[in-house]
Amino acid sequence: MKKQIGIIAGSGDFPDFVVEKALQTGFHCVVAGIKGEADPLIENKVSLFKWFDVEDIFSLISFFKQNAIKEILFAGKIDPRVIFQKKELLQELEERGEERKPSHLIGKVIDLMEQQGMEVQDPRPFISPLFCKEGRLNKIEISSEVKENIEFGWKTAKSMADMDIGQTVVVKEKTVVAVEGMEGTDQAIQRGGKLAGEGTVVVKVIRSSQDYRVDLPAVGLNTVKSLVNSQSAALCLEAGAMPFFRKQESISLADSYKISLVAKSS
């Protein structure tokens, strides 16, 4: 009998990649797709799939229990802004006195799953080939000005990440012009470009106490497209810490627009 794994699918390339890797390594995948987030095409890749609203936590847990799932993976982003769009969810959180920080809320979901005999897994065994080693990732030389902005932005990005505000900052001329909020990385990049014009430098990091099971930051082709649209000069991501999806396509696009891509260690 095949080993089973449950996957909670959010947005982006993450769910698709994890499903493909899990299937290749002999897992039977049971997928819960979050409405408005997961790609509908993922439904065709697995034998057991069901859609859920983001607030239907108990129904989602019941779905996994009914299918004897003991191990769960979170894959892909779930937009935290939905918390403020779901009045019933907000009311429930207020009644319980719960914080509304995304990491805190996901932690509560993990607690509920563990109470039901499930274990949320670290996805890194499925995505480790997508992590980047330290150094330049593409052909574009990193100018001294870009290096200075990366060093400046790194400390701020780490501070913002550790305060659970956001994990991306946009800087120019050693000035922070945008910090990622609930809107996500791509929109933060575009907002920074509108505020500061061309030549911004984007720095994306993980938390110092990152829980790799949940809310793992990632970059990919859409990130680089946002850099292009904003006429950014560079992207720096934390080496060995986050997946880079569709990396070769992203590198080709960055090269064609002379955008530096670099991975940095703490």
Protein backbone atom coordinates (compact mmCIF):
# COMPACT_ATOMS: atom_id res chain seq x y z
CA MET A 1 0.00 0.00 0.00
CA LYS A 2 1.29 3.44 -0.93
CA LYS A 3 2.21 5.89 1.80
CA GLN A 4 -0.38 8.66 2.03
CA ILE A 5 0.12 12.37 2.51
CA GLY A 6 -2.37 15.22 2.79
CA ILE A 7 -1.56 18.51 1.06
CA ILE A 8 -3.22 21.86 1.76
CA ALA A 9 -2.82 23.73 -1.52
CA GLY A 10 -2.59 27.51 -1.59
CA SER A 11 -1.44 29.78 -4.42
CA GLY A 12 1.70 29.85 -6.53
CA ASP A 13 3.97 27.12 -7.92
CA PHE A 14 4.55 25.49 -4.53
CA PRO A 15 1.55 23.08 -4.51
CA ASP A 16 2.10 21.88 -8.07
CA PHE A 17 5.78 21.15 -7.44
CA VAL A 18 5.14 19.36 -4.14
CA VAL A 19 2.38 17.20 -5.64
CA GLU A 20 4.60 16.18 -8.56
CA LYS A 21 7.52 15.31 -6.26
CA ALA A 22 5.29 13.39 -3.86
CA LEU A 23 3.78 11.36 -6.70
CA GLN A 24 7.24 10.66 -8.15
CA THR A 25 8.42 9.30 -4.81
CA GLY A 26 5.46 6.95 -4.45
CA PHE A 27 3.03 8.87 -2.27
CA HIS A 28 -0.74 8.80 -2.64
CA CYS A 29 -1.75 12.47 -2.44
CA VAL A 30 -4.99 13.67 -0.86
CA VAL A 31 -5.31 17.38 -1.61
CA ALA A 32 -7.43 20.09 0.00
CA GLY A 33 -7.51 23.10 -2.32
CA ILE A 34 -8.16 26.52 -0.81
CA LYS A 35 -10.77 28.34 -2.90
CA GLY A 36 -9.47 31.48 -4.56
CA GLU A 37 -5.87 30.41 -3.98
CA ALA A 38 -5.04 26.99 -5.46
CA ASP A 39 -4.70 26.45 -9.21
CA PRO A 40 -7.77 24.51 -10.45
CA LEU A 41 -5.50 22.40 -12.70
CA ILE A 42 -4.01 20.67 -9.66
CA GLU A 43 -7.32 18.83 -9.23
CA ASN A 44 -6.54 16.79 -12.35
CA LYS A 45 -3.18 15.58 -11.03
CA VAL A 46 -4.43 13.65 -7.99
CA SER A 47 -7.05 10.99 -7.42
CA LEU A 48 -8.59 12.61 -4.35
CA PHE A 49 -9.21 16.36 -4.20
CA LYS A 50 -11.71 18.68 -2.52
CA TRP A 51 -12.18 22.45 -2.39
CA PHE A 52 -12.49 24.36 0.90
CA ASP A 53 -13.11 27.96 1.92
CA VAL A 54 -10.22 29.26 4.00
CA GLU A 55 -12.36 29.41 7.15
CA ASP A 56 -13.60 25.81 6.82
CA ILE A 57 -10.83 24.47 9.07
CA PHE A 58 -12.92 21.81 10.78
CA SER A 59 -14.36 20.52 7.48
CA LEU A 60 -10.84 20.33 6.07
CA ILE A 61 -9.61 18.37 9.08
CA SER A 62 -12.61 16.02 8.79
CA PHE A 63 -11.77 15.45 5.12
CA PHE A 64 -8.27 14.28 6.02
CA LYS A 65 -9.51 12.16 8.94
CA GLN A 66 -12.09 10.44 6.73
CA ASN A 67 -9.29 9.47 4.36
CA ALA A 68 -6.97 8.21 7.14
CA ILE A 69 -4.38 10.92 6.54
CA LYS A 70 -1.80 11.20 9.31
CA GLU A 71 0.81 13.43 7.65
CA ILE A 72 0.04 16.90 6.25
CA LEU A 73 1.97 19.41 4.15
CA PHE A 74 1.15 23.11 3.74
CA ALA A 75 2.07 24.14 0.20
CA GLY A 76 1.59 27.61 -1.22
CA LYS A 77 0.51 30.97 0.08
CA ILE A 78 -2.85 31.78 1.60
CA ASP A 79 -3.61 35.50 1.43
CA PRO A 80 -3.84 36.78 5.05
CA ARG A 81 -6.10 39.63 3.91
CA VAL A 82 -8.94 37.11 3.80
CA ILE A 83 -9.04 37.31 7.61
CA PHE A 84 -10.42 40.83 7.33
CA GLN A 85 -12.91 39.83 4.64
CA LYS A 86 -14.54 37.03 6.65
CA LYS A 87 -16.71 38.65 9.33
CA GLU A 88 -17.62 35.37 10.99
CA LEU A 89 -13.96 34.38 11.24
CA LEU A 90 -13.05 37.78 12.67
CA GLN A 91 -15.80 37.54 15.26
CA GLU A 92 -14.66 34.07 16.29
CA LEU A 93 -11.06 35.25 16.66
CA GLU A 94 -12.13 38.24 18.72
CA GLU A 95 -14.24 36.05 21.00
CA ARG A 96 -11.28 33.73 21.55
CA GLY A 97 -8.90 36.64 22.01
CA GLU A 98 -6.64 35.27 19.26
CA GLU A 99 -3.97 37.31 17.52
CA ARG A 100 -4.55 37.86 13.81
CA LYS A 101 -0.93 37.43 12.74
CA PRO A 102 -0.75 34.85 9.90
CA SER A 103 1.91 32.73 11.61
CA HIS A 104 -0.11 32.66 14.84
CA LEU A 105 -3.30 31.63 13.04
CA ILE A 106 -1.56 28.85 11.13
CA GLY A 107 -0.05 27.70 14.41
CA LYS A 108 -3.56 27.31 15.80
CA VAL A 109 -4.54 25.21 12.77
CA ILE A 110 -1.51 22.97 13.41
CA ASP A 111 -2.56 22.59 17.04
CA LEU A 112 -6.04 21.48 15.94
CA MET A 113 -4.58 18.95 13.51
CA GLU A 114 -2.23 17.52 16.11
CA GLN A 115 -5.15 17.14 18.51
CA GLN A 116 -6.78 14.98 15.82
CA GLY A 117 -3.72 12.73 15.52
CA MET A 118 -2.17 14.39 12.44
CA GLU A 119 1.37 15.65 12.04
CA VAL A 120 2.29 18.66 9.91
CA GLN A 121 5.50 17.89 7.99
CA ASP A 122 8.46 20.01 6.94
CA PRO A 123 8.24 20.30 3.11
CA ARG A 124 11.99 20.69 2.58
CA PRO A 125 12.60 17.03 1.61
CA PHE A 126 10.34 17.70 -1.40
CA ILE A 127 11.75 21.11 -2.36
CA SER A 128 15.41 21.07 -1.26
CA PRO A 129 16.74 21.03 -4.87
CA LEU A 130 15.11 24.46 -5.34
CA PHE A 131 17.15 26.16 -2.60
CA CYS A 132 19.99 28.41 -3.82
CA LYS A 133 23.63 28.39 -2.77
CA GLU A 134 25.21 31.66 -1.77
CA GLY A 135 26.46 33.82 -4.60
CA ARG A 136 25.42 35.28 -7.92
CA LEU A 137 22.60 33.38 -9.61
CA ASN A 138 22.71 34.89 -13.11
CA LYS A 139 25.02 36.61 -15.55
CA ILE A 140 24.50 40.18 -14.41
CA GLU A 141 27.33 41.68 -12.38
CA ILE A 142 26.40 43.03 -8.96
CA SER A 143 27.41 46.68 -8.81
CA SER A 144 28.93 48.25 -5.71
CA GLU A 145 25.79 50.35 -5.30
CA VAL A 146 23.57 47.25 -5.37
CA LYS A 147 25.85 45.52 -2.84
CA GLU A 148 25.53 48.48 -0.48
CA ASN A 149 21.75 48.46 -0.80
CA ILE A 150 21.63 44.71 -0.15
CA GLU A 151 23.68 45.07 3.03
CA PHE A 152 21.50 47.96 4.15
CA GLY A 153 18.24 46.19 3.32
CA TRP A 154 19.25 42.87 4.89
CA LYS A 155 19.11 44.06 8.51
CA THR A 156 15.77 45.77 7.99
CA ALA A 157 14.30 42.75 6.23
CA LYS A 158 15.38 40.48 9.08
CA SER A 159 13.83 42.81 11.66
CA MET A 160 10.55 43.06 9.75
CA ALA A 161 10.41 39.30 9.29
CA ASP A 162 11.02 38.63 12.98
CA MET A 163 8.21 41.02 13.89
CA ASP A 164 5.91 39.06 11.53
CA ILE A 165 5.27 42.19 9.47
CA GLY A 166 6.71 40.99 6.17
CA GLN A 167 9.75 39.20 4.79
CA THR A 168 10.60 41.53 1.92
CA VAL A 169 11.89 45.09 1.79
CA VAL A 170 12.47 47.35 -1.20
CA VAL A 171 15.34 49.80 -0.90
CA LYS A 172 17.02 52.50 -2.97
CA GLU A 173 20.03 54.67 -2.15
CA LYS A 174 20.17 53.00 1.28
CA THR A 175 16.62 54.07 2.09
CA VAL A 176 13.69 51.74 2.71
CA VAL A 177 10.94 52.66 0.24
CA ALA A 178 8.56 49.73 0.81
CA VAL A 179 8.04 46.95 3.35
CA GLU A 180 5.96 43.91 2.48
CA GLY A 181 2.63 43.83 4.27
CA MET A 182 -0.42 41.68 3.73
CA GLU A 183 -0.37 42.36 -0.01
CA GLY A 184 2.58 40.02 -0.58
CA THR A 185 6.00 40.27 -2.24
CA ASP A 186 4.99 41.02 -5.82
CA GLN A 187 2.77 43.95 -4.93
CA ALA A 188 5.35 45.29 -2.47
CA ILE A 189 7.93 45.29 -5.28
CA GLN A 190 5.56 47.16 -7.56
CA ARG A 191 4.66 49.65 -4.83
CA GLY A 192 8.36 50.30 -4.21
CA GLY A 193 8.90 50.91 -7.92
CA LYS A 194 6.06 53.42 -8.07
CA LEU A 195 7.42 55.29 -5.06
CA ALA A 196 11.13 55.33 -5.93
CA GLY A 197 11.30 54.75 -9.68
CA GLU A 198 13.79 52.51 -11.43
CA GLY A 199 16.82 50.96 -9.75
CA THR A 200 15.26 49.57 -6.56
CA VAL A 201 16.82 46.59 -4.80
CA VAL A 202 14.58 43.89 -3.31
CA VAL A 203 15.70 41.80 -0.31
CA LYS A 204 13.72 38.74 0.80
CA VAL A 205 14.57 36.70 3.91
CA ILE A 206 13.19 34.14 6.35
CA ARG A 207 12.48 34.68 10.05
CA SER A 208 15.30 33.98 12.50
CA SER A 209 13.03 31.36 14.08
CA GLN A 210 11.37 30.25 10.84
CA ASP A 211 8.97 27.33 11.16
CA TYR A 212 9.62 25.58 7.86
CA ARG A 213 6.31 23.72 8.09
CA VAL A 214 4.26 26.85 7.42
CA ASP A 215 4.36 30.17 5.61
CA LEU A 216 7.72 29.41 4.00
CA PRO A 217 8.68 32.33 1.72
CA ALA A 218 9.49 31.59 -1.90
CA VAL A 219 10.43 33.39 -5.11
CA GLY A 220 9.79 32.53 -8.72
CA LEU A 221 8.95 33.75 -12.19
CA ASN A 222 6.18 36.08 -10.98
CA THR A 223 8.68 37.69 -8.60
CA VAL A 224 11.06 38.42 -11.46
CA LYS A 225 8.19 39.71 -13.63
CA SER A 226 7.40 42.17 -10.84
CA LEU A 227 11.07 43.25 -10.83
CA VAL A 228 10.86 43.83 -14.58
CA ASN A 229 7.64 45.84 -14.29
CA SER A 230 9.19 47.97 -11.56
CA GLN A 231 12.51 48.38 -13.39
CA SER A 232 14.32 47.04 -10.33
CA ALA A 233 18.08 46.57 -10.32
CA ALA A 234 18.37 43.44 -8.21
CA LEU A 235 16.81 40.73 -6.08
CA CYS A 236 18.61 39.26 -3.08
CA LEU A 237 17.15 36.17 -1.42
CA GLU A 238 18.35 34.26 1.60
CA ALA A 239 20.60 31.39 0.51
CA GLY A 240 19.63 27.84 1.45
CA ALA A 241 16.41 29.05 3.02
CA MET A 242 13.66 29.41 0.43
CA PRO A 243 12.70 27.70 -2.84
CA PHE A 244 13.20 29.41 -6.20
CA PHE A 245 10.47 28.11 -8.52
CA ARG A 246 10.87 28.15 -12.32
CA LYS A 247 14.44 29.24 -11.75
CA GLN A 248 15.83 28.88 -15.27
CA GLU A 249 12.95 30.86 -16.83
CA SER A 250 13.43 33.50 -14.14
CA ILE A 251 17.18 33.74 -14.76
CA SER A 252 16.67 34.13 -18.51
CA LEU A 253 14.15 36.90 -17.95
CA ALA A 254 16.36 38.68 -15.41
CA ASP A 255 19.36 38.44 -17.74
CA SER A 256 17.42 40.00 -20.60
CA TYR A 257 16.50 43.00 -18.44
CA LYS A 258 19.90 43.25 -16.74
CA ILE A 259 18.53 42.51 -13.27
CA SER A 260 20.99 41.00 -10.79
CA LEU A 261 19.90 37.88 -8.89
CA VAL A 262 21.91 36.95 -5.82
CA ALA A 263 21.61 34.62 -2.81
CA LYS A 264 23.09 35.73 0.50
CA SER A 265 23.69 34.00 3.83
CA SER A 266 23.17 35.65 7.20
